[in-house]
C-alpha atoms as a PDB file:
ATOM      1  CA  MET A   1     148.747  25.905 -63.340  1.00  0.00           C
ATOM      2  CA  ILE A   2     150.723  26.624 -66.570  1.00  0.00           C
ATOM      3  CA  TRP A   3     149.607  30.216 -66.272  1.00  0.00           C
ATOM      4  CA  LEU A   4     150.024  30.490 -62.815  1.00  0.00           C
ATOM      5  CA  ALA A   5     153.869  29.326 -63.394  1.00  0.00           C
ATOM      6  CA  ALA A   6     154.703  31.420 -66.033  1.00  0.00           C
ATOM      7  CA  LEU A   7     153.441  34.397 -64.061  1.00  0.00           C
ATOM      8  CA  ILE A   8     155.400  33.149 -60.895  1.00  0.00           C
ATOM      9  CA  ALA A   9     158.665  33.128 -63.532  1.00  0.00           C
ATOM     10  CA  ALA A  10     157.732  36.720 -64.548  1.00  0.00           C
ATOM     11  CA  LEU A  11     157.693  37.719 -61.336  1.00  0.00           C
ATOM     12  CA  GLY A  12     161.121  36.156 -60.548  1.00  0.00           C
ATOM     13  CA  ILE A  13     162.867  37.892 -63.225  1.00  0.00           C
ATOM     14  CA  ALA A  14     161.221  41.099 -62.756  1.00  0.00           C
ATOM     15  CA  GLY A  15     162.359  41.054 -58.619  1.00  0.00           C
ATOM     16  CA  GLY A  16     166.045  40.170 -59.875  1.00  0.00           C
ATOM     17  CA  ALA A  17     165.660  43.009 -62.416  1.00  0.00           C
ATOM     18  CA  PHE A  18     164.767  45.224 -60.096  1.00  0.00           C
ATOM     19  CA  TRP A  19     166.976  44.094 -57.558  1.00  0.00           C
ATOM     20  CA  TYR A  20     170.013  44.902 -59.993  1.00  0.00           C
ATOM     21  CA  LEU A  21     168.570  48.268 -60.601  1.00  0.00           C
ATOM     22  CA  ARG A  22     168.469  48.918 -57.202  1.00  0.00           C
ATOM     23  CA  ARG A  23     172.045  47.388 -56.273  1.00  0.00           C
ATOM     24  CA  ARG A  24     173.574  49.917 -59.584  1.00  0.00           C
ATOM     25  CA  GLU A  25     171.610  52.926 -57.813  1.00  0.00           C
ATOM     26  CA  ALA A  26     173.622  52.198 -54.439  1.00  0.00           C
ATOM     27  CA  LEU A  27     177.102  51.674 -55.490  1.00  0.00           C
ATOM     28  CA  ALA A  28     176.861  54.866 -57.922  1.00  0.00           C
ATOM     29  CA  PRO A  29     178.317  58.413 -56.006  1.00  0.00           C
ATOM     30  CA  VAL A  30     175.415  60.234 -55.106  1.00  0.00           C
ATOM     31  CA  PRO A  31     176.029  63.801 -56.383  1.00  0.00           C
ATOM     32  CA  VAL A  32     176.599  67.103 -54.108  1.00  0.00           C
ATOM     33  CA  ILE A  33     174.144  69.606 -54.726  1.00  0.00           C
ATOM     34  CA  GLU A  34     175.271  72.631 -53.214  1.00  0.00           C
ATOM     35  CA  PRO A  35     172.405  75.072 -52.047  1.00  0.00           C
ATOM     36  CA  PRO A  36     172.458  78.487 -53.936  1.00  0.00           C
ATOM     37  CA  LEU A  37     173.577  81.464 -52.229  1.00  0.00           C
ATOM     38  CA  VAL A  38     170.224  83.985 -51.399  1.00  0.00           C
ATOM     39  CA  ARG A  39     170.438  87.284 -49.670  1.00  0.00           C
ATOM     40  CA  ARG A  40     168.398  86.928 -46.477  1.00  0.00           C
ATOM     41  CA  GLU A  41     166.000  90.284 -45.601  1.00  0.00           C
ATOM     42  CA  THR A  42     164.899  90.778 -41.964  1.00  0.00           C
ATOM     43  CA  PRO A  43     161.365  90.302 -42.087  1.00  0.00           C
ATOM     44  CA  PRO A  44     160.244  93.820 -40.290  1.00  0.00           C
ATOM     45  CA  PRO A  45     158.615  93.515 -36.511  1.00  0.00           C
ATOM     46  CA  GLN A  46     155.103  92.184 -36.061  1.00  0.00           C
ATOM     47  CA  PRO A  47     152.854  94.108 -33.399  1.00  0.00           C
ATOM     48  CA  ASP A  48     151.730  91.596 -30.369  1.00  0.00           C
ATOM     49  CA  ARG A  49     148.424  90.297 -30.515  1.00  0.00           C
ATOM     50  CA  PRO A  50     146.224  91.289 -27.836  1.00  0.00           C
ATOM     51  CA  ALA A  51     145.247  88.561 -25.623  1.00  0.00           C
ATOM     52  CA  PRO A  52     141.739  86.586 -26.168  1.00  0.00           C
ATOM     53  CA  PRO A  53     139.048  88.164 -23.750  1.00  0.00           C
ATOM     54  CA  PRO A  54     139.098  86.071 -20.439  1.00  0.00           C
ATOM     55  CA  ALA A  55     135.641  84.023 -20.241  1.00  0.00           C
ATOM     56  CA  PRO A  56     132.914  84.810 -17.983  1.00  0.00           C
ATOM     57  CA  ALA A  57     132.751  83.471 -14.327  1.00  0.00           C
ATOM     58  CA  GLY A  58     131.753  80.385 -14.066  1.00  0.00           C
ATOM     59  CA  THR A  59     131.873  79.276 -17.610  1.00  0.00           C
ATOM     60  CA  ALA A  60     133.944  76.567 -17.944  1.00  0.00           C
ATOM     61  CA  ALA A  61     134.987  75.593 -20.994  1.00  0.00           C
ATOM     62  CA  ARG A  62     133.796  72.568 -23.005  1.00  0.00           C
ATOM     63  CA  PRO A  63     136.352  69.782 -24.130  1.00  0.00           C
ATOM     64  CA  ALA A  64     135.564  69.204 -27.987  1.00  0.00           C
ATOM     65  CA  PRO A  65     133.982  65.878 -28.601  1.00  0.00           C
ATOM     66  CA  PRO A  66     135.904  62.808 -29.577  1.00  0.00           C
ATOM     67  CA  PRO A  67     136.004  61.938 -33.133  1.00  0.00           C
ATOM     68  CA  PRO A  68     133.908  58.704 -34.512  1.00  0.00           C
ATOM     69  CA  LEU A  69     136.142  55.802 -34.813  1.00  0.00           C
ATOM     70  CA  PRO A  70     137.247  54.818 -38.047  1.00  0.00           C
ATOM     71  CA  GLY A  71     134.577  51.812 -39.195  1.00  0.00           C
ATOM     72  CA  LYS A  72     132.224  52.299 -36.221  1.00  0.00           C
ATOM     73  CA  THR A  73     128.144  52.833 -36.809  1.00  0.00           C
ATOM     74  CA  LEU A  74     125.789  53.465 -34.365  1.00  0.00           C
ATOM     75  CA  ALA A  75     123.536  49.979 -33.988  1.00  0.00           C
ATOM     76  CA  ALA A  76     119.925  50.272 -35.058  1.00  0.00           C
ATOM     77  CA  PRO A  77     117.375  50.338 -32.913  1.00  0.00           C
ATOM     78  CA  VAL A  78     115.505  47.265 -34.555  1.00  0.00           C
ATOM     79  CA  THR A  79     117.347  44.478 -34.234  1.00  0.00           C
ATOM     80  CA  LEU A  80     116.662  41.245 -36.621  1.00  0.00           C
ATOM     81  CA  HIS A  81     117.743  37.583 -36.160  1.00  0.00           C
ATOM     82  CA  ALA A  82     116.901  34.249 -37.585  1.00  0.00           C
ATOM     83  CA  LEU A  83     116.353  31.196 -36.255  1.00  0.00           C
ATOM     84  CA  PRO A  84     116.879  27.821 -38.349  1.00  0.00           C
ATOM     85  CA  VAL A  85     113.658  25.176 -38.437  1.00  0.00           C
ATOM     86  CA  ARG A  86     114.986  23.028 -41.333  1.00  0.00           C
ATOM     87  CA  LEU A  87     116.071  23.214 -44.954  1.00  0.00           C
ATOM     88  CA  SER A  88     114.295  20.346 -47.016  1.00  0.00           C
ATOM     89  CA  LYS A  89     115.937  19.465 -50.667  1.00  0.00           C
ATOM     90  CA  SER A  90     113.110  18.162 -53.459  1.00  0.00           C
ATOM     91  CA  MET A  91     114.091  16.928 -56.880  1.00  0.00           C
ATOM     92  CA  MET A  92     112.825  20.869 -57.997  1.00  0.00           C
ATOM     93  CA  ASN A  93     114.350  22.982 -55.160  1.00  0.00           C
ATOM     94  CA  ALA A  94     115.859  24.214 -51.583  1.00  0.00           C
ATOM     95  CA  THR A  95     113.389  24.890 -49.361  1.00  0.00           C
ATOM     96  CA  PHE A  96     114.334  26.616 -45.850  1.00  0.00           C
ATOM     97  CA  ALA A  97     112.301  27.072 -43.170  1.00  0.00           C
ATOM     98  CA  PHE A  98     113.178  29.801 -40.222  1.00  0.00           C
ATOM     99  CA  ARG A  99     112.133  32.035 -37.848  1.00  0.00           C
ATOM    100  CA  LEU A 100     112.424  35.671 -38.005  1.00  0.00           C
ATOM    101  CA  VAL A 101     112.784  37.927 -34.378  1.00  0.00           C
ATOM    102  CA  LEU A 102     112.493  41.620 -34.671  1.00  0.00           C
ATOM    103  CA  GLU A 103     113.213  43.700 -31.265  1.00  0.00           C
ATOM    104  CA  ASN A 104     112.848  46.892 -31.105  1.00  0.00           C
ATOM    105  CA  GLN A 105     115.138  48.591 -28.627  1.00  0.00           C
ATOM    106  CA  GLY A 106     114.812  52.307 -29.457  1.00  0.00           C
ATOM    107  CA  ALA A 107     112.151  54.659 -28.140  1.00  0.00           C
ATOM    108  CA  GLU A 108     110.639  55.200 -31.161  1.00  0.00           C
ATOM    109  CA  ARG A 109     107.473  53.514 -32.575  1.00  0.00           C
ATOM    110  CA  TRP A 110     108.598  51.787 -36.326  1.00  0.00           C
ATOM    111  CA  GLU A 111     105.854  51.784 -38.968  1.00  0.00           C
ATOM    112  CA  GLY A 112     104.978  50.553 -42.104  1.00  0.00           C
ATOM    113  CA  VAL A 113     107.066  47.253 -41.845  1.00  0.00           C
ATOM    114  CA  SER A 114     107.979  45.606 -44.825  1.00  0.00           C
ATOM    115  CA  ILE A 115     110.230  42.090 -44.445  1.00  0.00           C
ATOM    116  CA  GLU A 116     111.975  40.540 -47.657  1.00  0.00           C
ATOM    117  CA  ALA A 117     114.388  37.868 -48.245  1.00  0.00           C
ATOM    118  CA  ASP A 118     115.198  34.984 -50.289  1.00  0.00           C
ATOM    119  CA  LEU A 119     117.796  32.043 -50.799  1.00  0.00           C
ATOM    120  CA  VAL A 120     120.718  32.462 -52.694  1.00  0.00           C
ATOM    121  CA  THR A 121     124.147  30.107 -52.748  1.00  0.00           C
ATOM    122  CA  ALA A 122     127.422  31.184 -52.338  1.00  0.00           C
ATOM    123  CA  HIS A 123     130.395  30.777 -54.575  1.00  0.00           C
ATOM    124  CA  GLY A 124     134.166  32.158 -54.750  1.00  0.00           C
ATOM    125  CA  ALA A 125     133.648  33.076 -58.158  1.00  0.00           C
ATOM    126  CA  VAL A 126     130.648  34.981 -57.681  1.00  0.00           C
ATOM    127  CA  PRO A 127     131.107  38.945 -57.071  1.00  0.00           C
ATOM    128  CA  ILE A 128     130.261  39.484 -53.543  1.00  0.00           C
ATOM    129  CA  GLY A 129     127.475  42.056 -54.271  1.00  0.00           C
ATOM    130  CA  GLU A 130     125.558  39.109 -55.595  1.00  0.00           C
ATOM    131  CA  GLN A 131     125.951  37.262 -52.773  1.00  0.00           C
ATOM    132  CA  VAL A 132     125.305  39.242 -49.561  1.00  0.00           C
ATOM    133  CA  ALA A 133     121.883  41.605 -48.553  1.00  0.00           C
ATOM    134  CA  ASP A 134     122.842  45.427 -49.499  1.00  0.00           C
ATOM    135  CA  PRO A 135     119.984  47.494 -47.834  1.00  0.00           C
ATOM    136  CA  ALA A 136     119.917  49.410 -50.795  1.00  0.00           C
ATOM    137  CA  THR A 137     118.635  46.302 -52.984  1.00  0.00           C
ATOM    138  CA  ALA A 138     115.169  45.178 -52.552  1.00  0.00           C
ATOM    139  CA  LEU A 139     114.659  41.504 -51.999  1.00  0.00           C
ATOM    140  CA  ALA A 140     111.482  39.061 -52.448  1.00  0.00           C
ATOM    141  CA  PRO A 141     108.846  40.105 -50.242  1.00  0.00           C
ATOM    142  CA  LEU A 142     108.044  38.352 -47.413  1.00  0.00           C
ATOM    143  CA  GLY A 143     105.266  40.241 -45.420  1.00  0.00           C
ATOM    144  CA  THR A 144     104.270  42.732 -43.566  1.00  0.00           C
ATOM    145  CA  LEU A 145     103.911  44.701 -39.996  1.00  0.00           C
ATOM    146  CA  ASP A 146     101.268  47.744 -39.412  1.00  0.00           C
ATOM    147  CA  ALA A 147     103.933  48.808 -36.755  1.00  0.00           C
ATOM    148  CA  LEU A 148     106.581  48.127 -34.283  1.00  0.00           C
ATOM    149  CA  GLU A 149     106.354  49.645 -30.734  1.00  0.00           C
ATOM    150  CA  PRO A 150     109.144  50.043 -28.312  1.00  0.00           C
ATOM    151  CA  GLY A 151     110.450  47.504 -26.602  1.00  0.00           C
ATOM    152  CA  ASP A 152     108.388  45.582 -28.745  1.00  0.00           C
ATOM    153  CA  THR A 153     108.989  41.724 -30.160  1.00  0.00           C
ATOM    154  CA  ARG A 154     107.914  39.737 -32.699  1.00  0.00           C
ATOM    155  CA  GLU A 155     108.811  36.355 -34.009  1.00  0.00           C
ATOM    156  CA  LEU A 156     107.833  35.257 -37.216  1.00  0.00           C
ATOM    157  CA  ALA A 157     107.771  32.567 -39.314  1.00  0.00           C
ATOM    158  CA  HIS A 158     108.846  32.035 -43.013  1.00  0.00           C
ATOM    159  CA  GLU A 159     109.969  30.011 -45.685  1.00  0.00           C
ATOM    160  CA  VAL A 160     112.047  30.726 -48.424  1.00  0.00           C
ATOM    161  CA  ARG A 161     112.582  28.615 -51.676  1.00  0.00           C
ATOM    162  CA  LEU A 162     115.442  28.062 -54.326  1.00  0.00           C
ATOM    163  CA  PRO A 163     115.071  26.462 -57.513  1.00  0.00           C
ATOM    164  CA  LEU A 164     118.099  23.509 -57.934  1.00  0.00           C
ATOM    165  CA  GLY A 165     118.819  25.099 -61.378  1.00  0.00           C
ATOM    166  CA  GLN A 166     120.282  28.418 -59.626  1.00  0.00           C
ATOM    167  CA  VAL A 167     122.386  26.865 -57.072  1.00  0.00           C
ATOM    168  CA  ARG A 168     125.761  27.158 -57.252  1.00  0.00           C
ATOM    169  CA  ALA A 169     127.701  24.075 -56.792  1.00  0.00           C
ATOM    170  CA  ILE A 170     130.990  23.852 -55.559  1.00  0.00           C
ATOM    171  CA  PRO A 171     133.357  20.781 -56.545  1.00  0.00           C
ATOM    172  CA  GLN A 172     134.414  18.683 -53.591  1.00  0.00           C
ATOM    173  CA  GLY A 173     136.528  15.639 -54.029  1.00  0.00           C
ATOM    174  CA  ARG A 174     134.269  13.316 -56.365  1.00  0.00           C
ATOM    175  CA  ALA A 175     131.066  15.331 -55.188  1.00  0.00           C
ATOM    176  CA  ALA A 176     129.501  18.649 -55.633  1.00  0.00           C
ATOM    177  CA  VAL A 177     128.281  20.650 -52.345  1.00  0.00           C
ATOM    178  CA  TYR A 178     126.299  23.662 -52.247  1.00  0.00           C
ATOM    179  CA  VAL A 179     126.465  26.665 -49.100  1.00  0.00           C
ATOM    180  CA  PRO A 180     123.003  28.333 -49.326  1.00  0.00           C
ATOM    181  CA  LEU A 181     122.881  31.980 -48.059  1.00  0.00           C
ATOM    182  CA  LEU A 182     119.879  33.652 -45.871  1.00  0.00           C
ATOM    183  CA  ARG A 183     119.127  37.136 -47.205  1.00  0.00           C
ATOM    184  CA  VAL A 184     116.888  39.357 -45.330  1.00  0.00           C
ATOM    185  CA  ARG A 185     116.094  42.784 -45.428  1.00  0.00           C
ATOM    186  CA  LEU A 186     113.770  45.330 -43.271  1.00  0.00           C
ATOM    187  CA  THR A 187     112.508  48.405 -44.014  1.00  0.00           C
ATOM    188  CA  ALA A 188     109.867  51.095 -42.696  1.00  0.00           C
ATOM    189  CA  LYS A 189     108.139  54.257 -43.225  1.00  0.00           C
ATOM    190  CA  GLY A 190     110.856  57.008 -42.855  1.00  0.00           C
ATOM    191  CA  ARG A 191     113.801  54.528 -41.589  1.00  0.00           C
ATOM    192  CA  GLN A 192     116.586  53.422 -43.105  1.00  0.00           C
ATOM    193  CA  PRO A 193     116.471  49.762 -44.545  1.00  0.00           C
ATOM    194  CA  ILE A 194     118.237  47.051 -42.553  1.00  0.00           C
ATOM    195  CA  ALA A 195     119.917  43.692 -44.426  1.00  0.00           C
ATOM    196  CA  ARG A 196     121.665  40.924 -43.023  1.00  0.00           C
ATOM    197  CA  THR A 197     123.078  37.905 -44.689  1.00  0.00           C
ATOM    198  CA  PHE A 198     123.348  34.152 -42.673  1.00  0.00           C
ATOM    199  CA  LEU A 199     124.885  31.695 -43.755  1.00  0.00           C
ATOM    200  CA  ILE A 200     123.284  27.878 -43.562  1.00  0.00           C
ATOM    201  CA  GLY A 201     125.284  25.047 -42.748  1.00  0.00           C
ATOM    202  CA  GLN A 202     124.603  21.386 -40.650  1.00  0.00           C
ATOM    203  CA  LEU A 203     125.653  21.009 -37.902  1.00  0.00           C
ATOM    204  CA  PRO A 204     129.588  19.992 -37.040  1.00  0.00           C
ATOM    205  CA  ASP A 205     130.119  16.458 -35.435  1.00  0.00           C
ATOM    206  CA  ARG A 206     132.606  17.860 -32.656  1.00  0.00           C
ATOM    207  CA  GLN A 207     131.647  20.728 -30.448  1.00  0.00           C
ATOM    208  CA  GLY A 208     133.943  23.934 -31.716  1.00  0.00           C
ATOM    209  CA  GLY A 209     133.741  22.962 -35.263  1.00  0.00           C
ATOM    210  CA  ARG A 210     132.341  24.723 -38.165  1.00  0.00           C
ATOM    211  CA  LEU A 211     129.182  24.356 -39.805  1.00  0.00           C
ATOM    212  CA  ARG A 212     128.985  22.036 -43.144  1.00  0.00           C
ATOM    213  CA  PRO A 213     127.744  21.864 -46.102  1.00  0.00           C
ATOM    214  CA  PHE A 214     124.887  20.258 -48.542  1.00  0.00           C
ATOM    215  CA  ARG A 215     125.710  17.671 -50.483  1.00  0.00           C
ATOM    216  CA  LEU A 216     123.592  18.108 -53.768  1.00  0.00           C
ATOM    217  CA  ASP A 217     124.050  14.665 -55.256  1.00  0.00           C
ATOM    218  CA  GLU A 218     122.365  12.914 -51.840  1.00  0.00           C
ATOM    219  CA  MET A 219     118.472  12.096 -52.217  1.00  0.00           C
ATOM    220  CA  PRO A 220     115.650  13.980 -51.506  1.00  0.00           C
ATOM    221  CA  GLN A 221     115.372  14.783 -47.720  1.00  0.00           C
ATOM    222  CA  SER A 222     114.971  17.602 -44.818  1.00  0.00           C
ATOM    223  CA  TYR A 223     117.679  18.385 -42.769  1.00  0.00           C
ATOM    224  CA  ASN A 224     116.556  19.398 -39.228  1.00  0.00           C
ATOM    225  CA  ALA A 225     120.437  19.891 -37.228  1.00  0.00           C
ATOM    226  CA  ILE A 226     121.464  22.573 -38.938  1.00  0.00           C
ATOM    227  CA  GLY A 227     123.137  26.102 -38.072  1.00  0.00           C
ATOM    228  CA  LEU A 228     122.817  29.489 -39.046  1.00  0.00           C
ATOM    229  CA  ARG A 229     126.204  32.168 -38.808  1.00  0.00           C
ATOM    230  CA  PRO A 230     125.600  35.789 -39.498  1.00  0.00           C
ATOM    231  CA  LEU A 231     127.802  37.521 -42.236  1.00  0.00           C
ATOM    232  CA  ASP A 232     127.896  40.504 -40.545  1.00  0.00           C
END
């Protein structure tokens, strides 16, 4: 905390100096700058521009399409959702069982579908790129589908595992907790990859509460009262 106090003090000194300089500038007389005298020449007359030809009869002018809203992209025709089943912790690993729901809401057939996923843990000291799934980064392969027809919905059961030695623990009082993250990526032939990340937690004690993390020092057990929250 010493460095934090020193940083605040330094910011206070810098702020005082900045205020003093701005005060001096405000009190100093503002010099008056006379514009130079120049000879203005009258521009030669311009010829009248011809009027544009009239539009053909029966042809209505089409309005320009509105520009896309910033930060908005078209939704992918294939949606990807995850349903929690249970989280189990042994002496060696944390294993998450879930059901993956794929739905083709588009009008085209998706061929050569590949499903990838892994299990990591969240931590404030880790770059966000190492925690959230990236469509351009491959994950561990889980399974494949020959095709996903238009209007088709598939529900698949999968498991992902994380060694306890790779868990990023978060201190919470005298205990250490961890927040698992399920990362899923979907690829298909000739299609843009789809990636999603879900936060895994224990269901809250009261309605409307937030998901709770898991304690790392608890004995090996299975958690069934769990939920998921998408991070996108």
